[in-house]
């Protein structure tokens, strides 16, 4: 993938604003030191999810139930998201092939997941995400949560280069990704 697109997806701050720019829902965020955050949030804002500013794949992700859970984070710039309670999906895409799985909350992409037929609203959300990049996003994944009380879909983590370890769909991911890259390179070279 284009390194600039990958960076925007791995940098949580940039990805948050990118998701909003595309017109998709993403959880509210809190950014700052633990002291700053203590002064800005109320008890009803919890639970929150602490995520590293750079990264993906649930590495370093921690559930924060109260301000006391932040005491060991002194003098660090923290990135926190509002925890969205609901069904968590991991939706891989390769070109226009979409493979959607139900994922246990706060788990990494290698955990055992159950494959489901991709709901139309998730398919539409993924196509909106892909179309924003004008053909530059050949494959990737979105972690999506269907909020329990509203049924709204929130993108909680985009990924431009997933490992596809849970790909459980009809096409072979490695072969298809390689073909997409070769096809794109061939077209670029001809121009």
N, C-alpha and C. Protein backbone atom coordinates (compact mmCIF):
# COMPACT_ATOMS: atom_id res chain seq x y z
N UNK A 1 0.83 -1.20 0.00
CA UNK A 1 0.00 0.00 0.00
C UNK A 1 0.87 1.26 0.00
N UNK A 2 0.28 2.34 -0.45
CA UNK A 2 0.96 3.62 -0.42
C UNK A 2 1.39 3.92 1.02
N UNK A 3 2.67 4.21 1.26
CA UNK A 3 3.14 4.44 2.63
C UNK A 3 2.44 5.60 3.33
N UNK A 4 2.03 6.61 2.58
CA UNK A 4 1.32 7.75 3.20
C UNK A 4 -0.05 7.31 3.71
N UNK A 5 -0.73 6.46 2.95
CA UNK A 5 -2.03 5.96 3.38
C UNK A 5 -1.85 5.05 4.60
N UNK A 6 -0.84 4.20 4.57
CA UNK A 6 -0.57 3.31 5.70
C UNK A 6 -0.26 4.10 6.96
N UNK A 7 0.56 5.15 6.84
CA UNK A 7 0.90 5.96 8.00
C UNK A 7 -0.34 6.60 8.60
N UNK A 8 -1.21 7.15 7.74
CA UNK A 8 -2.43 7.78 8.24
C UNK A 8 -3.33 6.79 8.97
N UNK A 9 -3.26 5.52 8.58
CA UNK A 9 -4.09 4.52 9.24
C UNK A 9 -3.44 4.00 10.52
N UNK A 10 -2.11 4.00 10.61
CA UNK A 10 -1.42 3.53 11.80
C UNK A 10 -1.31 4.60 12.89
N UNK A 11 -1.32 5.88 12.49
CA UNK A 11 -1.29 6.96 13.45
C UNK A 11 -2.73 7.19 13.91
N UNK A 12 -3.01 6.86 15.15
CA UNK A 12 -4.40 6.89 15.64
C UNK A 12 -5.03 8.28 15.53
N UNK A 13 -4.25 9.32 15.76
CA UNK A 13 -4.80 10.67 15.69
C UNK A 13 -5.20 10.96 14.24
N UNK A 14 -4.29 10.71 13.31
CA UNK A 14 -4.61 10.95 11.90
C UNK A 14 -5.74 10.05 11.42
N UNK A 15 -5.75 8.79 11.85
CA UNK A 15 -6.81 7.89 11.38
C UNK A 15 -8.17 8.33 11.90
N UNK A 16 -8.22 8.84 13.13
CA UNK A 16 -9.49 9.32 13.69
C UNK A 16 -10.08 10.41 12.79
N UNK A 17 -9.26 11.39 12.42
CA UNK A 17 -9.76 12.49 11.59
C UNK A 17 -9.98 12.06 10.14
N UNK A 18 -9.20 11.10 9.67
CA UNK A 18 -9.41 10.56 8.33
C UNK A 18 -10.77 9.84 8.25
N UNK A 19 -11.08 9.03 9.24
CA UNK A 19 -12.37 8.33 9.28
C UNK A 19 -13.51 9.33 9.25
N UNK A 20 -13.40 10.40 10.04
CA UNK A 20 -14.43 11.44 10.06
C UNK A 20 -14.52 12.15 8.71
N UNK A 21 -13.37 12.41 8.09
CA UNK A 21 -13.35 13.09 6.79
C UNK A 21 -14.06 12.26 5.72
N UNK A 22 -13.91 10.93 5.81
CA UNK A 22 -14.59 10.03 4.87
C UNK A 22 -16.11 10.06 5.11
N UNK A 23 -16.52 10.48 6.30
CA UNK A 23 -17.95 10.55 6.61
C UNK A 23 -18.45 9.34 7.39
N UNK A 24 -17.53 8.65 8.06
CA UNK A 24 -17.89 7.48 8.86
C UNK A 24 -17.84 7.83 10.35
N UNK A 25 -18.56 7.07 11.15
CA UNK A 25 -18.54 7.29 12.60
C UNK A 25 -17.29 6.66 13.20
N UNK A 26 -16.73 7.32 14.19
CA UNK A 26 -15.61 6.81 14.96
C UNK A 26 -15.82 7.30 16.39
N UNK A 27 -15.34 6.55 17.39
CA UNK A 27 -15.57 6.96 18.78
C UNK A 27 -14.96 8.32 19.11
N UNK A 28 -15.55 9.01 20.08
CA UNK A 28 -14.95 10.24 20.60
C UNK A 28 -13.58 9.90 21.17
N UNK A 29 -12.65 10.85 21.06
CA UNK A 29 -11.31 10.62 21.58
C UNK A 29 -10.95 11.66 22.63
N UNK A 30 -9.98 11.28 23.46
CA UNK A 30 -9.39 12.15 24.47
C UNK A 30 -7.89 12.03 24.29
N UNK A 31 -7.21 13.16 24.22
CA UNK A 31 -5.78 13.18 23.95
C UNK A 31 -5.10 14.13 24.92
N UNK A 32 -4.02 13.67 25.54
CA UNK A 32 -3.25 14.51 26.45
C UNK A 32 -2.57 13.68 27.51
N UNK A 33 -1.97 14.35 28.48
CA UNK A 33 -1.36 13.64 29.60
C UNK A 33 -2.47 13.15 30.53
N UNK A 34 -2.14 12.26 31.44
CA UNK A 34 -3.16 11.77 32.38
C UNK A 34 -3.71 12.92 33.22
N UNK A 35 -2.87 13.90 33.57
CA UNK A 35 -3.33 15.05 34.34
C UNK A 35 -4.34 15.88 33.55
N UNK A 36 -4.04 16.12 32.28
CA UNK A 36 -4.96 16.88 31.42
C UNK A 36 -6.27 16.14 31.28
N UNK A 37 -6.18 14.85 31.03
CA UNK A 37 -7.39 14.05 30.82
C UNK A 37 -8.23 13.98 32.09
N UNK A 38 -7.59 13.88 33.25
CA UNK A 38 -8.33 13.86 34.53
C UNK A 38 -9.23 15.07 34.66
N UNK A 39 -8.75 16.22 34.17
CA UNK A 39 -9.51 17.46 34.30
C UNK A 39 -10.57 17.63 33.22
N UNK A 40 -10.57 16.78 32.21
CA UNK A 40 -11.49 16.94 31.07
C UNK A 40 -12.61 15.90 31.01
N UNK A 41 -12.47 14.79 31.76
CA UNK A 41 -13.48 13.74 31.64
C UNK A 41 -14.24 13.56 32.95
N UNK A 42 -15.44 13.07 32.80
CA UNK A 42 -16.30 12.78 33.95
C UNK A 42 -16.43 11.28 34.11
N UNK A 43 -16.92 10.86 35.24
CA UNK A 43 -17.05 9.42 35.51
C UNK A 43 -17.95 8.72 34.50
N UNK A 44 -18.94 9.43 33.93
CA UNK A 44 -19.83 8.79 32.95
C UNK A 44 -19.16 8.60 31.59
N UNK A 45 -17.97 9.18 31.38
CA UNK A 45 -17.23 8.98 30.13
C UNK A 45 -16.59 7.59 30.05
N UNK A 46 -16.46 6.93 31.18
CA UNK A 46 -15.84 5.59 31.21
C UNK A 46 -16.86 4.53 30.83
N UNK A 47 -16.44 3.41 30.31
CA UNK A 47 -15.06 2.99 30.07
C UNK A 47 -14.48 3.63 28.81
N UNK A 48 -13.15 3.68 28.80
CA UNK A 48 -12.39 4.19 27.66
C UNK A 48 -11.40 3.12 27.22
N UNK A 49 -10.89 3.26 26.03
CA UNK A 49 -9.88 2.35 25.51
C UNK A 49 -8.59 3.14 25.34
N UNK A 50 -7.53 2.71 26.00
CA UNK A 50 -6.21 3.31 25.82
C UNK A 50 -5.53 2.59 24.66
N UNK A 51 -5.07 3.37 23.69
CA UNK A 51 -4.39 2.80 22.53
C UNK A 51 -3.08 3.55 22.33
N UNK A 52 -2.04 2.84 21.85
CA UNK A 52 -0.83 3.57 21.49
C UNK A 52 -1.13 4.51 20.32
N UNK A 53 -0.46 5.64 20.27
CA UNK A 53 -0.70 6.60 19.19
C UNK A 53 -0.33 5.99 17.84
N UNK A 54 0.74 5.22 17.79
CA UNK A 54 1.14 4.53 16.56
C UNK A 54 0.91 3.05 16.74
N UNK A 55 0.24 2.42 15.79
CA UNK A 55 0.08 0.98 15.88
C UNK A 55 -1.23 0.52 15.31
N UNK A 56 -1.37 -0.79 15.36
CA UNK A 56 -2.61 -1.43 14.93
C UNK A 56 -2.62 -2.83 15.50
N UNK A 57 -3.70 -3.54 15.27
CA UNK A 57 -3.76 -4.94 15.67
C UNK A 57 -3.92 -5.17 17.16
N UNK A 58 -4.47 -4.25 17.89
CA UNK A 58 -4.76 -4.38 19.32
C UNK A 58 -3.52 -4.47 20.21
N UNK A 59 -2.34 -4.20 19.67
CA UNK A 59 -1.14 -4.21 20.49
C UNK A 59 -1.14 -2.98 21.40
N UNK A 60 -0.98 -3.22 22.71
CA UNK A 60 -0.93 -2.12 23.67
C UNK A 60 -2.28 -1.54 24.01
N UNK A 61 -3.36 -2.18 23.60
CA UNK A 61 -4.71 -1.68 23.87
C UNK A 61 -5.14 -2.15 25.26
N UNK A 62 -5.73 -1.23 26.01
CA UNK A 62 -6.10 -1.54 27.40
C UNK A 62 -7.43 -0.86 27.73
N UNK A 63 -8.30 -1.59 28.42
CA UNK A 63 -9.57 -1.04 28.87
C UNK A 63 -9.32 -0.19 30.12
N UNK A 64 -9.83 1.02 30.12
CA UNK A 64 -9.69 1.95 31.24
C UNK A 64 -11.08 2.15 31.85
N UNK A 65 -11.23 1.67 33.08
CA UNK A 65 -12.55 1.73 33.74
C UNK A 65 -12.72 2.97 34.62
N UNK A 66 -11.60 3.56 35.05
CA UNK A 66 -11.67 4.75 35.89
C UNK A 66 -10.36 5.52 35.75
N UNK A 67 -10.33 6.72 36.31
CA UNK A 67 -9.13 7.55 36.24
C UNK A 67 -7.95 6.88 36.94
N UNK A 68 -8.24 6.03 37.92
CA UNK A 68 -7.16 5.32 38.64
C UNK A 68 -6.37 4.40 37.71
N UNK A 69 -7.02 3.91 36.65
CA UNK A 69 -6.33 3.03 35.69
C UNK A 69 -5.27 3.78 34.88
N UNK A 70 -5.26 5.10 34.98
CA UNK A 70 -4.29 5.91 34.23
C UNK A 70 -3.10 6.35 35.08
N UNK A 71 -3.08 5.99 36.36
CA UNK A 71 -2.03 6.46 37.26
C UNK A 71 -0.63 6.03 36.84
N UNK A 72 -0.49 4.89 36.18
CA UNK A 72 0.84 4.43 35.76
C UNK A 72 1.26 5.05 34.42
N UNK A 73 0.46 5.95 33.88
CA UNK A 73 0.73 6.55 32.57
C UNK A 73 1.23 8.00 32.69
N UNK A 74 1.81 8.34 33.84
CA UNK A 74 2.26 9.71 34.10
C UNK A 74 3.28 10.15 33.05
N UNK A 75 3.15 11.41 32.64
CA UNK A 75 4.08 12.09 31.71
C UNK A 75 4.08 11.50 30.30
N UNK A 76 3.10 10.71 29.95
CA UNK A 76 2.96 10.22 28.58
C UNK A 76 1.79 10.95 27.93
N UNK A 77 1.89 11.12 26.62
CA UNK A 77 0.73 11.63 25.88
C UNK A 77 -0.14 10.41 25.61
N UNK A 78 -1.38 10.48 26.03
CA UNK A 78 -2.30 9.35 25.93
C UNK A 78 -3.34 9.59 24.84
N UNK A 79 -3.70 8.50 24.20
CA UNK A 79 -4.78 8.50 23.22
C UNK A 79 -5.84 7.55 23.77
N UNK A 80 -7.01 8.09 24.06
CA UNK A 80 -8.11 7.29 24.60
C UNK A 80 -9.32 7.45 23.70
N UNK A 81 -10.04 6.35 23.52
CA UNK A 81 -11.30 6.36 22.77
C UNK A 81 -12.42 5.95 23.68
N UNK A 82 -13.59 6.51 23.45
CA UNK A 82 -14.79 6.05 24.14
C UNK A 82 -15.03 4.59 23.76
N UNK A 83 -15.26 3.73 24.73
CA UNK A 83 -15.55 2.33 24.46
C UNK A 83 -16.97 2.23 23.90
N UNK A 84 -17.09 1.58 22.77
CA UNK A 84 -18.39 1.39 22.13
C UNK A 84 -18.83 -0.05 22.43
N UNK A 85 -19.92 -0.18 23.14
CA UNK A 85 -20.43 -1.50 23.49
C UNK A 85 -21.30 -2.02 22.35
N UNK A 86 -20.98 -3.24 21.89
CA UNK A 86 -21.76 -3.81 20.81
C UNK A 86 -21.03 -4.97 20.16
N UNK A 87 -21.48 -5.35 18.98
CA UNK A 87 -20.87 -6.46 18.23
C UNK A 87 -19.66 -5.92 17.49
N UNK A 88 -18.54 -6.60 17.66
CA UNK A 88 -17.28 -6.18 17.04
C UNK A 88 -17.03 -7.04 15.80
N UNK A 89 -16.79 -6.37 14.68
CA UNK A 89 -16.53 -7.06 13.41
C UNK A 89 -15.11 -6.77 12.95
N UNK A 90 -14.51 -7.74 12.32
CA UNK A 90 -13.27 -7.54 11.58
C UNK A 90 -13.62 -7.82 10.13
N UNK A 91 -13.56 -6.79 9.30
CA UNK A 91 -13.92 -6.95 7.89
C UNK A 91 -12.69 -6.72 7.02
N UNK A 92 -12.21 -7.82 6.44
CA UNK A 92 -11.10 -7.75 5.49
C UNK A 92 -11.67 -7.44 4.11
N UNK A 93 -10.88 -6.77 3.29
CA UNK A 93 -11.27 -6.60 1.89
C UNK A 93 -10.05 -6.75 1.00
N UNK A 94 -10.25 -7.41 -0.12
CA UNK A 94 -9.26 -7.54 -1.18
C UNK A 94 -10.01 -7.19 -2.46
N UNK A 95 -9.66 -6.05 -3.04
CA UNK A 95 -10.40 -5.52 -4.17
C UNK A 95 -11.86 -5.37 -3.73
N UNK A 96 -12.81 -6.01 -4.39
CA UNK A 96 -14.21 -5.91 -3.98
C UNK A 96 -14.69 -7.14 -3.22
N UNK A 97 -13.79 -8.03 -2.85
CA UNK A 97 -14.13 -9.20 -2.03
C UNK A 97 -14.03 -8.79 -0.56
N UNK A 98 -15.09 -9.07 0.18
CA UNK A 98 -15.14 -8.70 1.60
C UNK A 98 -15.38 -9.96 2.42
N UNK A 99 -14.60 -10.11 3.47
CA UNK A 99 -14.74 -11.24 4.39
C UNK A 99 -14.95 -10.66 5.79
N UNK A 100 -16.13 -10.87 6.35
CA UNK A 100 -16.49 -10.29 7.64
C UNK A 100 -16.59 -11.38 8.70
N UNK A 101 -15.98 -11.08 9.84
CA UNK A 101 -15.97 -12.01 10.96
C UNK A 101 -16.40 -11.29 12.23
N UNK A 102 -16.99 -12.03 13.15
CA UNK A 102 -17.31 -11.47 14.46
C UNK A 102 -16.09 -11.72 15.34
N UNK A 103 -15.66 -10.66 16.00
CA UNK A 103 -14.42 -10.66 16.77
C UNK A 103 -14.73 -10.37 18.24
N UNK A 104 -14.13 -11.12 19.16
CA UNK A 104 -14.32 -10.76 20.57
C UNK A 104 -13.76 -9.35 20.83
N UNK A 105 -14.46 -8.53 21.61
CA UNK A 105 -13.96 -7.17 21.88
C UNK A 105 -12.55 -7.20 22.47
N UNK A 106 -11.75 -6.22 22.09
CA UNK A 106 -10.39 -6.00 22.60
C UNK A 106 -9.44 -7.16 22.30
N UNK A 107 -9.72 -7.91 21.27
CA UNK A 107 -8.83 -9.01 20.89
C UNK A 107 -8.06 -8.64 19.64
N UNK A 108 -7.00 -9.37 19.36
CA UNK A 108 -6.18 -9.11 18.17
C UNK A 108 -6.75 -9.87 16.97
N UNK A 109 -6.19 -9.61 15.79
CA UNK A 109 -6.76 -10.18 14.57
C UNK A 109 -6.47 -11.67 14.40
N UNK A 110 -5.66 -12.27 15.27
CA UNK A 110 -5.32 -13.69 15.14
C UNK A 110 -6.21 -14.60 16.00
N UNK A 111 -7.05 -14.00 16.81
CA UNK A 111 -7.95 -14.80 17.65
C UNK A 111 -8.96 -15.51 16.75
N UNK A 112 -9.46 -16.63 17.19
CA UNK A 112 -10.45 -17.35 16.41
C UNK A 112 -11.73 -16.52 16.31
N UNK A 113 -12.20 -16.32 15.09
CA UNK A 113 -13.40 -15.52 14.85
C UNK A 113 -14.39 -16.33 14.02
N UNK A 114 -15.64 -15.94 14.13
CA UNK A 114 -16.70 -16.61 13.38
C UNK A 114 -17.03 -15.81 12.12
N UNK A 115 -16.94 -16.46 10.96
CA UNK A 115 -17.28 -15.83 9.69
C UNK A 115 -18.79 -15.68 9.58
N UNK A 116 -19.20 -14.52 9.07
CA UNK A 116 -20.62 -14.27 8.80
C UNK A 116 -20.77 -13.73 7.38
N UNK A 117 -21.97 -13.76 6.86
CA UNK A 117 -22.25 -13.07 5.60
C UNK A 117 -22.18 -11.57 5.89
N UNK A 118 -21.50 -10.84 5.04
CA UNK A 118 -21.31 -9.41 5.26
C UNK A 118 -22.65 -8.68 5.15
N UNK A 119 -23.09 -8.02 6.23
CA UNK A 119 -24.32 -7.22 6.15
C UNK A 119 -24.16 -6.09 5.14
N UNK A 120 -25.25 -5.71 4.51
CA UNK A 120 -25.21 -4.66 3.48
C UNK A 120 -24.66 -3.34 4.01
N UNK A 121 -24.99 -2.96 5.25
CA UNK A 121 -24.49 -1.68 5.76
C UNK A 121 -22.98 -1.71 5.98
N UNK A 122 -22.44 -2.88 6.34
CA UNK A 122 -20.99 -3.00 6.48
C UNK A 122 -20.34 -2.97 5.09
N UNK A 123 -20.93 -3.65 4.13
CA UNK A 123 -20.41 -3.62 2.75
C UNK A 123 -20.40 -2.17 2.24
N UNK A 124 -21.48 -1.43 2.47
CA UNK A 124 -21.55 -0.03 2.04
C UNK A 124 -20.48 0.81 2.73
N UNK A 125 -20.28 0.59 4.02
CA UNK A 125 -19.27 1.33 4.77
C UNK A 125 -17.87 1.06 4.20
N UNK A 126 -17.56 -0.20 3.92
CA UNK A 126 -16.25 -0.55 3.37
C UNK A 126 -16.06 0.07 1.99
N UNK A 127 -17.09 0.03 1.16
CA UNK A 127 -16.97 0.61 -0.17
C UNK A 127 -16.79 2.13 -0.09
N UNK A 128 -17.45 2.77 0.85
CA UNK A 128 -17.26 4.21 1.04
C UNK A 128 -15.81 4.50 1.44
N UNK A 129 -15.25 3.66 2.33
CA UNK A 129 -13.86 3.80 2.76
C UNK A 129 -12.91 3.61 1.57
N UNK A 130 -13.10 2.54 0.84
CA UNK A 130 -12.24 2.25 -0.32
C UNK A 130 -12.36 3.34 -1.39
N UNK A 131 -13.57 3.76 -1.69
CA UNK A 131 -13.79 4.76 -2.75
C UNK A 131 -13.14 6.10 -2.43
N UNK A 132 -13.02 6.41 -1.15
CA UNK A 132 -12.39 7.66 -0.75
C UNK A 132 -10.95 7.74 -1.28
N UNK A 133 -10.29 6.59 -1.39
CA UNK A 133 -8.88 6.55 -1.78
C UNK A 133 -8.68 6.41 -3.29
N UNK A 134 -9.75 6.52 -4.07
CA UNK A 134 -9.67 6.54 -5.54
C UNK A 134 -8.81 5.41 -6.12
N UNK A 135 -9.06 4.19 -5.69
CA UNK A 135 -8.36 3.04 -6.26
C UNK A 135 -6.98 2.77 -5.68
N UNK A 136 -6.54 3.57 -4.73
CA UNK A 136 -5.21 3.38 -4.14
C UNK A 136 -5.21 2.33 -3.02
N UNK A 137 -6.37 2.01 -2.49
CA UNK A 137 -6.48 1.05 -1.39
C UNK A 137 -6.96 -0.28 -1.96
N UNK A 138 -6.00 -1.14 -2.31
CA UNK A 138 -6.32 -2.41 -2.97
C UNK A 138 -6.84 -3.45 -1.99
N UNK A 139 -6.38 -3.39 -0.75
CA UNK A 139 -6.76 -4.37 0.27
C UNK A 139 -6.57 -3.75 1.64
N UNK A 140 -7.12 -4.39 2.65
CA UNK A 140 -6.97 -3.90 4.02
C UNK A 140 -8.04 -4.49 4.91
N UNK A 141 -8.29 -3.82 6.02
CA UNK A 141 -9.38 -4.25 6.90
C UNK A 141 -9.85 -3.08 7.73
N UNK A 142 -11.06 -3.21 8.22
CA UNK A 142 -11.62 -2.26 9.17
C UNK A 142 -12.16 -3.04 10.36
N UNK A 143 -11.81 -2.59 11.56
CA UNK A 143 -12.47 -3.07 12.76
C UNK A 143 -13.65 -2.16 12.99
N UNK A 144 -14.81 -2.75 13.10
CA UNK A 144 -16.06 -2.01 13.16
C UNK A 144 -16.85 -2.52 14.35
N UNK A 145 -17.51 -1.62 15.07
CA UNK A 145 -18.40 -2.02 16.16
C UNK A 145 -19.80 -1.52 15.84
N UNK A 146 -20.76 -2.44 15.92
CA UNK A 146 -22.18 -2.08 15.79
C UNK A 146 -22.67 -1.74 17.19
N UNK A 147 -22.90 -0.46 17.43
CA UNK A 147 -23.27 0.01 18.77
C UNK A 147 -24.58 -0.64 19.20
N UNK A 148 -24.57 -1.14 20.41
CA UNK A 148 -25.67 -1.95 20.94
C UNK A 148 -27.02 -1.24 20.95
N UNK A 149 -27.08 0.00 21.41
CA UNK A 149 -28.38 0.64 21.57
C UNK A 149 -28.87 1.36 20.32
N UNK A 150 -27.96 1.81 19.43
CA UNK A 150 -28.39 2.57 18.26
C UNK A 150 -28.27 1.79 16.96
N UNK A 151 -27.50 0.72 16.96
CA UNK A 151 -27.23 -0.08 15.76
C UNK A 151 -26.30 0.66 14.79
N UNK A 152 -25.74 1.80 15.20
CA UNK A 152 -24.80 2.55 14.36
C UNK A 152 -23.48 1.80 14.25
N UNK A 153 -22.82 1.97 13.11
CA UNK A 153 -21.52 1.33 12.88
C UNK A 153 -20.41 2.34 13.13
N UNK A 154 -19.47 1.99 14.00
CA UNK A 154 -18.31 2.82 14.31
C UNK A 154 -17.04 2.12 13.83
N UNK A 155 -16.20 2.84 13.10
CA UNK A 155 -14.89 2.31 12.73
C UNK A 155 -13.96 2.59 13.90
N UNK A 156 -13.39 1.53 14.49
CA UNK A 156 -12.51 1.70 15.65
C UNK A 156 -11.05 1.47 15.29
N UNK A 157 -10.78 0.90 14.13
CA UNK A 157 -9.39 0.69 13.73
C UNK A 157 -9.31 0.33 12.25
N UNK A 158 -8.70 1.19 11.43
CA UNK A 158 -8.46 0.81 10.03
C UNK A 158 -7.10 0.13 9.91
N UNK A 159 -6.95 -0.72 8.93
CA UNK A 159 -5.67 -1.37 8.70
C UNK A 159 -5.38 -1.48 7.21
N UNK A 160 -4.20 -1.02 6.81
CA UNK A 160 -3.87 -1.05 5.40
C UNK A 160 -3.10 -2.29 4.99
N UNK A 161 -2.58 -3.05 5.96
CA UNK A 161 -1.79 -4.21 5.59
C UNK A 161 -1.99 -5.33 6.61
N UNK A 162 -3.21 -5.88 6.69
CA UNK A 162 -3.47 -6.95 7.65
C UNK A 162 -2.78 -8.24 7.22
N UNK A 163 -2.66 -9.15 8.16
CA UNK A 163 -2.03 -10.44 7.86
C UNK A 163 -2.99 -11.45 7.25
N UNK A 164 -4.26 -11.17 7.25
CA UNK A 164 -5.28 -12.05 6.69
C UNK A 164 -5.25 -13.45 7.31
N UNK A 165 -4.83 -13.53 8.57
CA UNK A 165 -4.74 -14.84 9.23
C UNK A 165 -6.11 -15.45 9.48
N UNK A 166 -7.14 -14.64 9.46
CA UNK A 166 -8.50 -15.15 9.66
C UNK A 166 -9.34 -15.10 8.40
N UNK A 167 -8.71 -14.89 7.27
CA UNK A 167 -9.46 -14.85 6.02
C UNK A 167 -10.11 -16.22 5.83
N UNK A 168 -11.42 -16.24 5.78
CA UNK A 168 -12.17 -17.51 5.67
C UNK A 168 -13.14 -17.44 4.50
N UNK A 169 -12.74 -16.78 3.45
CA UNK A 169 -13.64 -16.60 2.32
C UNK A 169 -13.13 -17.30 1.08
N UNK A 170 -13.90 -17.19 0.00
CA UNK A 170 -13.73 -18.03 -1.18
C UNK A 170 -12.46 -17.80 -1.99
N UNK A 171 -11.88 -16.63 -1.94
CA UNK A 171 -10.69 -16.39 -2.76
C UNK A 171 -9.41 -16.57 -1.93
N UNK A 172 -8.32 -16.86 -2.60
CA UNK A 172 -7.01 -17.03 -1.97
C UNK A 172 -6.38 -15.65 -1.79
N UNK A 173 -6.14 -15.19 -0.55
CA UNK A 173 -5.68 -13.81 -0.36
C UNK A 173 -4.32 -13.49 -0.97
N UNK A 174 -3.32 -14.34 -0.77
CA UNK A 174 -1.98 -14.02 -1.26
C UNK A 174 -1.96 -13.89 -2.77
N UNK A 175 -2.53 -14.86 -3.46
CA UNK A 175 -2.56 -14.83 -4.92
C UNK A 175 -3.30 -13.60 -5.44
N UNK A 176 -4.45 -13.30 -4.84
CA UNK A 176 -5.25 -12.16 -5.30
C UNK A 176 -4.58 -10.83 -5.01
N UNK A 177 -3.93 -10.69 -3.87
CA UNK A 177 -3.22 -9.45 -3.55
C UNK A 177 -2.05 -9.27 -4.52
N UNK A 178 -1.30 -10.34 -4.75
CA UNK A 178 -0.18 -10.26 -5.70
C UNK A 178 -0.66 -9.86 -7.09
N UNK A 179 -1.76 -10.45 -7.54
CA UNK A 179 -2.31 -10.10 -8.85
C UNK A 179 -2.75 -8.64 -8.91
N UNK A 180 -3.36 -8.13 -7.84
CA UNK A 180 -3.76 -6.73 -7.80
C UNK A 180 -2.55 -5.80 -7.90
N UNK A 181 -1.50 -6.13 -7.17
CA UNK A 181 -0.28 -5.30 -7.19
C UNK A 181 0.37 -5.34 -8.56
N UNK A 182 0.49 -6.53 -9.14
CA UNK A 182 1.09 -6.67 -10.47
C UNK A 182 0.27 -5.89 -11.50
N UNK A 183 -1.05 -6.02 -11.43
CA UNK A 183 -1.93 -5.32 -12.36
C UNK A 183 -1.76 -3.80 -12.21
N UNK A 184 -1.74 -3.31 -10.98
CA UNK A 184 -1.57 -1.87 -10.75
C UNK A 184 -0.20 -1.41 -11.23
N UNK A 185 0.85 -2.18 -10.95
CA UNK A 185 2.20 -1.81 -11.39
C UNK A 185 2.29 -1.80 -12.92
N UNK A 186 1.67 -2.79 -13.54
CA UNK A 186 1.69 -2.87 -15.01
C UNK A 186 1.00 -1.65 -15.63
N UNK A 187 -0.13 -1.24 -15.07
CA UNK A 187 -0.84 -0.07 -15.59
C UNK A 187 -0.02 1.20 -15.37
N UNK A 188 0.61 1.32 -14.22
CA UNK A 188 1.43 2.48 -13.92
C UNK A 188 2.62 2.57 -14.86
N UNK A 189 3.21 1.44 -15.13
CA UNK A 189 4.40 1.38 -15.99
C UNK A 189 4.05 1.76 -17.43
N UNK A 190 2.86 1.36 -17.90
CA UNK A 190 2.43 1.67 -19.27
C UNK A 190 2.19 3.16 -19.44
N UNK A 191 1.76 3.81 -18.35
CA UNK A 191 1.49 5.26 -18.43
C UNK A 191 2.78 6.00 -18.35
